[in-house]
Amino acid sequence: MKYYVSFPIFFDCDLRCYYCFSADSMNTNMPPVRQVTATHYCNFRDKFLSDAEEIVVELNGGETFLPVNVAAVTNFMRRTGPELIELQTNGIQSEDAYKTLLAFRGRILRLGFTYHRKMIHSIPTYRRAYERNVLMMRDLGFPVYVKELFFTDEREAILDNKARWESLGVEFKVQDFKGSFLGLSGEEVVRYTAEDFKLISREYLRDDHDCRCKDGYKQLIVMRGGTIIACYLIQESVGDMIKCEYKPNYCVFMSEKRLIWT
């Protein structure tokens, strides 16, 4: 078995993108709390994922390289061992924040830099910081990629950006934009042409049958309170990491927007 675990860090971010899945949480001005911890994860892993050939953990929530999340990420890395780690960032944090990963470089499967064009392109200091950090982490030996959300009114600029990063030897991914209402409204996708869909990286496209967050991996999405779901769109519980409970025999069928229990 291979497992993909989406594990929450703190929901704090300095960009406050209007289209973020967590926009409601970001805009409450409440402390970026979470209940589930690395200790809960380790107990759960040892009880339920002992058959794992590989575990990929994506640490996500807010901006990964803000101070509160640098502490959360490095704590998780110190407390765990066999997992490979995926991280994403808006790319505009301090050089020192990114360099905290140097001690864990061998465990980083991917480090994704999302270029939030709608939020930072008009701000030169942000653009310079973004480019500096991508190139710095690449040169330090990290497996980096650049990603943009596909807005049709930015088509030519995105294609130019893709060509530029690829000329620098950096992988570039295009992700479909799922909507400004918590990522669910879909107002942009209806404008995509057949040629536009060809630009979308395969990993962001979903099959209706046995839908997976990461091809070849069984997905567990851990919420801040410990509840485990298999799909953000379905929200049906398959366990609880704090209570150390899990019902593993499920598949996600997007055509019916429900779980199939086996």
C-alpha atoms as a PDB file:
ATOM      1  CA  MET A   1       0.000   0.000   0.000  1.00  0.00           C
ATOM      2  CA  LYS A   2       0.999   3.570  -0.701  1.00  0.00           C
ATOM      3  CA  TYR A   3      -0.653   6.334   1.293  1.00  0.00           C
ATOM      4  CA  TYR A   4      -1.075  10.036   0.660  1.00  0.00           C
ATOM      5  CA  VAL A   5      -1.846  11.960   3.860  1.00  0.00           C
ATOM      6  CA  SER A   6      -2.879  15.597   3.795  1.00  0.00           C
ATOM      7  CA  PHE A   7      -1.954  16.830   7.276  1.00  0.00           C
ATOM      8  CA  PRO A   8      -2.863  20.300   8.580  1.00  0.00           C
ATOM      9  CA  ILE A   9      -0.443  22.939   9.692  1.00  0.00           C
ATOM     10  CA  PHE A  10      -1.718  26.323  10.880  1.00  0.00           C
ATOM     11  CA  PHE A  11      -4.222  28.288   8.800  1.00  0.00           C
ATOM     12  CA  ASP A  12      -2.302  31.527   8.563  1.00  0.00           C
ATOM     13  CA  CYS A  13      -1.240  33.338   5.393  1.00  0.00           C
ATOM     14  CA  ASP A  14      -0.033  36.770   4.389  1.00  0.00           C
ATOM     15  CA  LEU A  15      -1.677  36.870   0.937  1.00  0.00           C
ATOM     16  CA  ARG A  16      -5.344  36.194   1.789  1.00  0.00           C
ATOM     17  CA  CYS A  17      -6.209  35.124  -1.760  1.00  0.00           C
ATOM     18  CA  TYR A  18      -9.927  35.605  -2.383  1.00  0.00           C
ATOM     19  CA  TYR A  19     -10.145  32.199  -4.085  1.00  0.00           C
ATOM     20  CA  CYS A  20      -8.407  30.187  -1.337  1.00  0.00           C
ATOM     21  CA  PHE A  21     -10.149  27.002  -0.108  1.00  0.00           C
ATOM     22  CA  SER A  22      -9.582  28.357   3.388  1.00  0.00           C
ATOM     23  CA  ALA A  23     -10.659  31.939   2.721  1.00  0.00           C
ATOM     24  CA  ASP A  24     -13.335  31.856   5.419  1.00  0.00           C
ATOM     25  CA  SER A  25     -10.844  30.667   8.031  1.00  0.00           C
ATOM     26  CA  MET A  26      -8.248  33.188   6.913  1.00  0.00           C
ATOM     27  CA  ASN A  27     -10.630  36.138   7.156  1.00  0.00           C
ATOM     28  CA  THR A  28     -11.963  35.560  10.671  1.00  0.00           C
ATOM     29  CA  ASN A  29      -8.874  37.058  12.373  1.00  0.00           C
ATOM     30  CA  MET A  30      -9.094  34.179  14.833  1.00  0.00           C
ATOM     31  CA  PRO A  31      -5.876  32.457  15.985  1.00  0.00           C
ATOM     32  CA  PRO A  32      -4.766  29.801  13.467  1.00  0.00           C
ATOM     33  CA  VAL A  33      -5.416  26.886  15.819  1.00  0.00           C
ATOM     34  CA  ARG A  34      -5.437  23.140  15.225  1.00  0.00           C
ATOM     35  CA  GLN A  35      -6.093  20.223  17.558  1.00  0.00           C
ATOM     36  CA  VAL A  36      -4.356  17.355  15.770  1.00  0.00           C
ATOM     37  CA  THR A  37      -0.603  17.001  16.377  1.00  0.00           C
ATOM     38  CA  ALA A  38       2.415  15.059  15.151  1.00  0.00           C
ATOM     39  CA  THR A  39       1.994  12.743  18.153  1.00  0.00           C
ATOM     40  CA  HIS A  40      -1.556  11.902  17.049  1.00  0.00           C
ATOM     41  CA  TYR A  41      -0.248  11.239  13.545  1.00  0.00           C
ATOM     42  CA  CYS A  42       2.504   8.895  14.729  1.00  0.00           C
ATOM     43  CA  ASN A  43       0.113   6.893  16.905  1.00  0.00           C
ATOM     44  CA  PHE A  44      -2.338   6.606  14.020  1.00  0.00           C
ATOM     45  CA  ARG A  45       0.383   5.638  11.513  1.00  0.00           C
ATOM     46  CA  ASP A  46       1.754   2.923  13.748  1.00  0.00           C
ATOM     47  CA  LYS A  47      -1.709   1.430  14.288  1.00  0.00           C
ATOM     48  CA  PHE A  48      -3.245   1.697  10.809  1.00  0.00           C
ATOM     49  CA  LEU A  49      -0.525   2.298   8.205  1.00  0.00           C
ATOM     50  CA  SER A  50       1.928  -0.422   9.219  1.00  0.00           C
ATOM     51  CA  ASP A  51       1.489  -2.071   5.794  1.00  0.00           C
ATOM     52  CA  ALA A  52       2.776   1.052   4.023  1.00  0.00           C
ATOM     53  CA  GLU A  53       5.303   0.648   1.260  1.00  0.00           C
ATOM     54  CA  GLU A  54       5.430   4.433   1.106  1.00  0.00           C
ATOM     55  CA  ILE A  55       3.748   7.337   2.879  1.00  0.00           C
ATOM     56  CA  VAL A  56       3.674  10.785   1.309  1.00  0.00           C
ATOM     57  CA  VAL A  57       2.561  13.542   3.675  1.00  0.00           C
ATOM     58  CA  GLU A  58       1.564  16.916   2.320  1.00  0.00           C
ATOM     59  CA  LEU A  59       1.665  19.515   5.088  1.00  0.00           C
ATOM     60  CA  ASN A  60      -0.827  22.210   4.200  1.00  0.00           C
ATOM     61  CA  GLY A  61      -3.175  24.792   5.564  1.00  0.00           C
ATOM     62  CA  GLY A  62      -1.868  28.299   5.400  1.00  0.00           C
ATOM     63  CA  GLU A  63       1.441  29.591   4.097  1.00  0.00           C
ATOM     64  CA  THR A  64       4.039  26.953   4.909  1.00  0.00           C
ATOM     65  CA  PHE A  65       6.963  29.299   5.535  1.00  0.00           C
ATOM     66  CA  LEU A  66       5.432  31.790   7.941  1.00  0.00           C
ATOM     67  CA  PRO A  67       7.101  31.460  11.377  1.00  0.00           C
ATOM     68  CA  VAL A  68       4.252  29.522  13.031  1.00  0.00           C
ATOM     69  CA  ASN A  69       4.272  26.988  10.204  1.00  0.00           C
ATOM     70  CA  VAL A  70       8.043  26.717   9.911  1.00  0.00           C
ATOM     71  CA  ALA A  71       7.923  25.563  13.538  1.00  0.00           C
ATOM     72  CA  ALA A  72       5.072  23.139  12.788  1.00  0.00           C
ATOM     73  CA  VAL A  73       6.802  21.677   9.730  1.00  0.00           C
ATOM     74  CA  THR A  74      10.200  21.209  11.351  1.00  0.00           C
ATOM     75  CA  ASN A  75       8.558  19.667  14.434  1.00  0.00           C
ATOM     76  CA  PHE A  76       6.669  17.196  12.245  1.00  0.00           C
ATOM     77  CA  MET A  77       9.854  16.314  10.380  1.00  0.00           C
ATOM     78  CA  ARG A  78      11.786  15.720  13.594  1.00  0.00           C
ATOM     79  CA  ARG A  79       8.991  13.551  15.037  1.00  0.00           C
ATOM     80  CA  THR A  80       8.636  11.333  11.966  1.00  0.00           C
ATOM     81  CA  GLY A  81      10.994   9.333   9.801  1.00  0.00           C
ATOM     82  CA  PRO A  82       9.806   7.126   6.922  1.00  0.00           C
ATOM     83  CA  GLU A  83       7.513   9.720   5.338  1.00  0.00           C
ATOM     84  CA  LEU A  84       8.322  11.692   2.221  1.00  0.00           C
ATOM     85  CA  ILE A  85       7.110  15.271   2.491  1.00  0.00           C
ATOM     86  CA  GLU A  86       5.419  17.569  -0.011  1.00  0.00           C
ATOM     87  CA  LEU A  87       5.118  21.296   0.654  1.00  0.00           C
ATOM     88  CA  GLN A  88       3.665  24.265  -1.163  1.00  0.00           C
ATOM     89  CA  THR A  89       4.371  27.954  -0.737  1.00  0.00           C
ATOM     90  CA  ASN A  90       3.424  31.327  -2.168  1.00  0.00           C
ATOM     91  CA  GLY A  91       7.150  31.914  -2.637  1.00  0.00           C
ATOM     92  CA  ILE A  92       7.476  35.345  -1.031  1.00  0.00           C
ATOM     93  CA  GLN A  93       8.809  34.473   2.431  1.00  0.00           C
ATOM     94  CA  SER A  94      12.303  35.124   3.807  1.00  0.00           C
ATOM     95  CA  GLU A  95      15.331  33.212   2.555  1.00  0.00           C
ATOM     96  CA  ASP A  96      16.040  32.016   6.092  1.00  0.00           C
ATOM     97  CA  ALA A  97      12.560  30.499   6.364  1.00  0.00           C
ATOM     98  CA  TYR A  98      13.131  28.336   3.286  1.00  0.00           C
ATOM     99  CA  LYS A  99      16.621  27.353   4.421  1.00  0.00           C
ATOM    100  CA  THR A 100      15.180  25.675   7.524  1.00  0.00           C
ATOM    101  CA  LEU A 101      14.478  22.732   5.207  1.00  0.00           C
ATOM    102  CA  LEU A 102      18.182  22.103   4.600  1.00  0.00           C
ATOM    103  CA  ALA A 103      18.356  19.688   7.518  1.00  0.00           C
ATOM    104  CA  PHE A 104      15.571  17.613   5.925  1.00  0.00           C
ATOM    105  CA  ARG A 105      16.437  17.946   2.234  1.00  0.00           C
ATOM    106  CA  GLY A 106      16.558  14.195   1.616  1.00  0.00           C
ATOM    107  CA  ARG A 107      12.958  13.771   2.734  1.00  0.00           C
ATOM    108  CA  ILE A 108      11.410  16.484   0.555  1.00  0.00           C
ATOM    109  CA  LEU A 109       9.632  14.816  -2.356  1.00  0.00           C
ATOM    110  CA  ARG A 110       8.478  18.096  -3.900  1.00  0.00           C
ATOM    111  CA  LEU A 111       8.450  21.780  -3.065  1.00  0.00           C
ATOM    112  CA  GLY A 112       5.831  23.655  -5.069  1.00  0.00           C
ATOM    113  CA  PHE A 113       5.919  27.415  -5.612  1.00  0.00           C
ATOM    114  CA  THR A 114       2.482  28.719  -6.604  1.00  0.00           C
ATOM    115  CA  TYR A 115       2.670  31.981  -8.519  1.00  0.00           C
ATOM    116  CA  HIS A 116      -0.466  33.793  -7.363  1.00  0.00           C
ATOM    117  CA  ARG A 117      -0.543  36.134 -10.329  1.00  0.00           C
ATOM    118  CA  LYS A 118      -3.736  37.901  -9.304  1.00  0.00           C
ATOM    119  CA  MET A 119      -2.225  38.774  -5.940  1.00  0.00           C
ATOM    120  CA  ILE A 120       1.483  39.473  -6.457  1.00  0.00           C
ATOM    121  CA  HIS A 121       2.234  40.204 -10.113  1.00  0.00           C
ATOM    122  CA  SER A 122       1.669  43.941  -9.713  1.00  0.00           C
ATOM    123  CA  ILE A 123       4.016  44.135  -6.705  1.00  0.00           C
ATOM    124  CA  PRO A 124       7.689  44.163  -7.825  1.00  0.00           C
ATOM    125  CA  THR A 125       9.102  43.253  -4.409  1.00  0.00           C
ATOM    126  CA  TYR A 126       6.929  40.147  -4.294  1.00  0.00           C
ATOM    127  CA  ARG A 127       7.904  39.130  -7.820  1.00  0.00           C
ATOM    128  CA  ARG A 128      11.602  39.495  -7.035  1.00  0.00           C
ATOM    129  CA  ALA A 129      11.288  37.530  -3.786  1.00  0.00           C
ATOM    130  CA  TYR A 130       9.396  34.766  -5.552  1.00  0.00           C
ATOM    131  CA  GLU A 131      11.995  34.338  -8.289  1.00  0.00           C
ATOM    132  CA  ARG A 132      14.879  34.570  -5.806  1.00  0.00           C
ATOM    133  CA  ASN A 133      13.404  31.828  -3.638  1.00  0.00           C
ATOM    134  CA  VAL A 134      12.595  29.416  -6.464  1.00  0.00           C
ATOM    135  CA  LEU A 135      16.100  29.649  -7.874  1.00  0.00           C
ATOM    136  CA  MET A 136      17.735  29.524  -4.443  1.00  0.00           C
ATOM    137  CA  MET A 137      15.934  26.328  -3.440  1.00  0.00           C
ATOM    138  CA  ARG A 138      16.613  24.734  -6.804  1.00  0.00           C
ATOM    139  CA  ASP A 139      20.303  25.571  -6.499  1.00  0.00           C
ATOM    140  CA  LEU A 140      20.331  24.115  -2.976  1.00  0.00           C
ATOM    141  CA  GLY A 141      19.234  20.798  -4.448  1.00  0.00           C
ATOM    142  CA  PHE A 142      15.522  20.743  -3.673  1.00  0.00           C
ATOM    143  CA  PRO A 143      13.028  19.243  -6.161  1.00  0.00           C
ATOM    144  CA  VAL A 144      11.093  22.431  -6.957  1.00  0.00           C
ATOM    145  CA  TYR A 145       8.329  23.234  -9.397  1.00  0.00           C
ATOM    146  CA  VAL A 146       6.452  26.390 -10.306  1.00  0.00           C
ATOM    147  CA  LYS A 147       2.673  26.364 -10.616  1.00  0.00           C
ATOM    148  CA  GLU A 148       0.024  28.791 -11.846  1.00  0.00           C
ATOM    149  CA  LEU A 149      -3.734  28.687 -11.682  1.00  0.00           C
ATOM    150  CA  PHE A 150      -5.208  28.951 -15.160  1.00  0.00           C
ATOM    151  CA  PHE A 151      -7.243  32.121 -15.625  1.00  0.00           C
ATOM    152  CA  THR A 152      -8.391  32.562 -19.214  1.00  0.00           C
ATOM    153  CA  ASP A 153      -7.824  36.316 -19.156  1.00  0.00           C
ATOM    154  CA  GLU A 154      -4.167  35.635 -18.275  1.00  0.00           C
ATOM    155  CA  ARG A 155      -3.624  32.898 -20.872  1.00  0.00           C
ATOM    156  CA  GLU A 156      -0.779  34.534 -22.805  1.00  0.00           C
ATOM    157  CA  ALA A 157       1.020  35.729 -19.688  1.00  0.00           C
ATOM    158  CA  ILE A 158       0.839  32.246 -18.168  1.00  0.00           C
ATOM    159  CA  LEU A 159       2.191  30.645 -21.337  1.00  0.00           C
ATOM    160  CA  ASP A 160       5.035  33.170 -21.413  1.00  0.00           C
ATOM    161  CA  ASN A 161       5.789  32.395 -17.778  1.00  0.00           C
ATOM    162  CA  LYS A 162       5.757  28.668 -18.517  1.00  0.00           C
ATOM    163  CA  ALA A 163       8.251  29.086 -21.354  1.00  0.00           C
ATOM    164  CA  ARG A 164      10.503  31.250 -19.222  1.00  0.00           C
ATOM    165  CA  TRP A 165      10.711  28.890 -16.243  1.00  0.00           C
ATOM    166  CA  GLU A 166      11.202  25.874 -18.456  1.00  0.00           C
ATOM    167  CA  SER A 167      14.073  27.679 -20.192  1.00  0.00           C
ATOM    168  CA  LEU A 168      15.648  27.943 -16.723  1.00  0.00           C
ATOM    169  CA  GLY A 169      15.255  24.215 -16.198  1.00  0.00           C
ATOM    170  CA  VAL A 170      12.391  24.517 -13.700  1.00  0.00           C
ATOM    171  CA  GLU A 171       9.317  22.310 -14.063  1.00  0.00           C
ATOM    172  CA  PHE A 172       6.135  24.339 -14.636  1.00  0.00           C
ATOM    173  CA  LYS A 173       2.615  23.112 -13.904  1.00  0.00           C
ATOM    174  CA  VAL A 174      -0.725  24.616 -14.883  1.00  0.00           C
ATOM    175  CA  GLN A 175      -3.631  23.928 -12.526  1.00  0.00           C
ATOM    176  CA  ASP A 176      -7.283  24.400 -13.373  1.00  0.00           C
ATOM    177  CA  PHE A 177      -8.941  27.167 -11.377  1.00  0.00           C
ATOM    178  CA  LYS A 178     -11.810  25.591  -9.468  1.00  0.00           C
ATOM    179  CA  GLY A 179     -13.545  28.794  -8.450  1.00  0.00           C
ATOM    180  CA  SER A 180     -13.466  31.835  -6.210  1.00  0.00           C
ATOM    181  CA  PHE A 181     -16.111  30.508  -3.789  1.00  0.00           C
ATOM    182  CA  LEU A 182     -13.936  28.252  -1.628  1.00  0.00           C
ATOM    183  CA  GLY A 183     -12.717  26.570  -4.784  1.00  0.00           C
ATOM    184  CA  LEU A 184     -16.140  25.203  -5.672  1.00  0.00           C
ATOM    185  CA  SER A 185     -17.906  27.707  -7.916  1.00  0.00           C
ATOM    186  CA  GLY A 186     -16.266  26.640 -11.177  1.00  0.00           C
ATOM    187  CA  GLU A 187     -16.840  29.922 -12.998  1.00  0.00           C
ATOM    188  CA  GLU A 188     -13.528  29.742 -14.846  1.00  0.00           C
ATOM    189  CA  VAL A 189     -13.595  26.115 -16.015  1.00  0.00           C
ATOM    190  CA  VAL A 190     -16.707  26.671 -18.130  1.00  0.00           C
ATOM    191  CA  ARG A 191     -14.633  29.093 -20.250  1.00  0.00           C
ATOM    192  CA  TYR A 192     -11.866  26.587 -20.967  1.00  0.00           C
ATOM    193  CA  THR A 193     -11.462  25.451 -24.544  1.00  0.00           C
ATOM    194  CA  ALA A 194     -10.264  22.000 -25.574  1.00  0.00           C
ATOM    195  CA  GLU A 195      -6.820  23.514 -26.087  1.00  0.00           C
ATOM    196  CA  ASP A 196      -6.919  25.041 -22.614  1.00  0.00           C
ATOM    197  CA  PHE A 197      -7.585  21.653 -21.038  1.00  0.00           C
ATOM    198  CA  LYS A 198      -4.503  20.287 -22.769  1.00  0.00           C
ATOM    199  CA  LEU A 199      -2.436  22.783 -20.762  1.00  0.00           C
ATOM    200  CA  ILE A 200      -3.671  21.470 -17.401  1.00  0.00           C
ATOM    201  CA  SER A 201      -1.146  19.179 -15.728  1.00  0.00           C
ATOM    202  CA  ARG A 202      -2.417  15.612 -15.459  1.00  0.00           C
ATOM    203  CA  GLU A 203      -2.173  15.467 -11.675  1.00  0.00           C
ATOM    204  CA  TYR A 204      -4.919  18.096 -11.304  1.00  0.00           C
ATOM    205  CA  LEU A 205      -7.433  16.220 -13.449  1.00  0.00           C
ATOM    206  CA  ARG A 206      -9.684  13.721 -11.711  1.00  0.00           C
ATOM    207  CA  ASP A 207     -11.282  10.495 -12.872  1.00  0.00           C
ATOM    208  CA  ASP A 208     -14.924   9.979 -11.967  1.00  0.00           C
ATOM    209  CA  HIS A 209     -14.164   6.349 -11.091  1.00  0.00           C
ATOM    210  CA  ASP A 210     -11.977   5.769  -8.011  1.00  0.00           C
ATOM    211  CA  CYS A 211     -10.844   9.411  -7.817  1.00  0.00           C
ATOM    212  CA  ARG A 212      -7.501   9.929  -6.078  1.00  0.00           C
ATOM    213  CA  CYS A 213      -5.661  13.001  -4.835  1.00  0.00           C
ATOM    214  CA  LYS A 214      -2.384  11.370  -5.890  1.00  0.00           C
ATOM    215  CA  ASP A 215      -2.300   8.619  -8.502  1.00  0.00           C
ATOM    216  CA  GLY A 216      -1.460   5.241  -7.014  1.00  0.00           C
ATOM    217  CA  TYR A 217      -2.003   6.325  -3.393  1.00  0.00           C
ATOM    218  CA  LYS A 218      -4.873   5.868  -0.953  1.00  0.00           C
ATOM    219  CA  GLN A 219      -5.763   9.317   0.364  1.00  0.00           C
ATOM    220  CA  LEU A 220      -6.424  10.428   3.926  1.00  0.00           C
ATOM    221  CA  ILE A 221      -7.260  14.107   4.424  1.00  0.00           C
ATOM    222  CA  VAL A 222      -6.874  15.141   8.042  1.00  0.00           C
ATOM    223  CA  MET A 223      -8.883  18.122   9.241  1.00  0.00           C
ATOM    224  CA  ARG A 224      -7.764  20.493  11.997  1.00  0.00           C
ATOM    225  CA  GLY A 225      -9.999  18.816  14.584  1.00  0.00           C
ATOM    226  CA  GLY A 226      -8.695  15.344  13.758  1.00  0.00           C
ATOM    227  CA  THR A 227     -11.528  14.111  11.537  1.00  0.00           C
ATOM    228  CA  ILE A 228     -10.279  12.192   8.496  1.00  0.00           C
ATOM    229  CA  ILE A 229     -12.089  12.481   5.180  1.00  0.00           C
ATOM    230  CA  ALA A 230     -11.265  10.941   1.808  1.00  0.00           C
ATOM    231  CA  CYS A 231     -12.377  13.867  -0.360  1.00  0.00           C
ATOM    232  CA  TYR A 232     -12.835  17.601   0.195  1.00  0.00           C
ATOM    233  CA  LEU A 233     -15.957  17.614  -1.969  1.00  0.00           C
ATOM    234  CA  ILE A 234     -17.671  14.725  -0.211  1.00  0.00           C
ATOM    235  CA  GLN A 235     -16.696  15.467   3.413  1.00  0.00           C
ATOM    236  CA  GLU A 236     -17.762  12.035   4.675  1.00  0.00           C
ATOM    237  CA  SER A 237     -15.734  10.897   7.661  1.00  0.00           C
ATOM    238  CA  VAL A 238     -13.598   7.777   7.343  1.00  0.00           C
ATOM    239  CA  GLY A 239     -11.940   8.090  10.741  1.00  0.00           C
ATOM    240  CA  ASP A 240     -10.502  10.328  13.427  1.00  0.00           C
ATOM    241  CA  MET A 241      -6.773  10.785  13.988  1.00  0.00           C
ATOM    242  CA  ILE A 242      -7.071  12.077  17.560  1.00  0.00           C
ATOM    243  CA  LYS A 243      -9.363   9.196  18.586  1.00  0.00           C
ATOM    244  CA  CYS A 244      -7.184   6.830  16.520  1.00  0.00           C
ATOM    245  CA  GLU A 245     -10.132   5.439  14.550  1.00  0.00           C
ATOM    246  CA  TYR A 246     -10.167   4.493  10.855  1.00  0.00           C
ATOM    247  CA  LYS A 247     -12.420   2.671   8.380  1.00  0.00           C
ATOM    248  CA  PRO A 248     -10.048   1.984   5.464  1.00  0.00           C
ATOM    249  CA  ASN A 249     -12.210   0.206   2.898  1.00  0.00           C
ATOM    250  CA  TYR A 250     -13.419   3.110   0.749  1.00  0.00           C
ATOM    251  CA  CYS A 251     -13.117   4.451  -2.781  1.00  0.00           C
ATOM    252  CA  VAL A 252     -14.103   7.914  -4.006  1.00  0.00           C
ATOM    253  CA  PHE A 253     -16.540   8.012  -6.930  1.00  0.00           C
ATOM    254  CA  MET A 254     -16.780  11.591  -8.200  1.00  0.00           C
ATOM    255  CA  SER A 255     -19.499  10.833 -10.756  1.00  0.00           C
ATOM    256  CA  GLU A 256     -21.850  10.223  -7.828  1.00  0.00           C
ATOM    257  CA  LYS A 257     -20.013  12.434  -5.322  1.00  0.00           C
ATOM    258  CA  ARG A 258     -19.992   9.715  -2.712  1.00  0.00           C
ATOM    259  CA  LEU A 259     -17.771   7.113  -1.141  1.00  0.00           C
ATOM    260  CA  ILE A 260     -18.110   3.466  -2.088  1.00  0.00           C
ATOM    261  CA  TRP A 261     -17.439   1.170   0.873  1.00  0.00           C
ATOM    262  CA  THR A 262     -15.916  -2.201   0.077  1.00  0.00           C
END
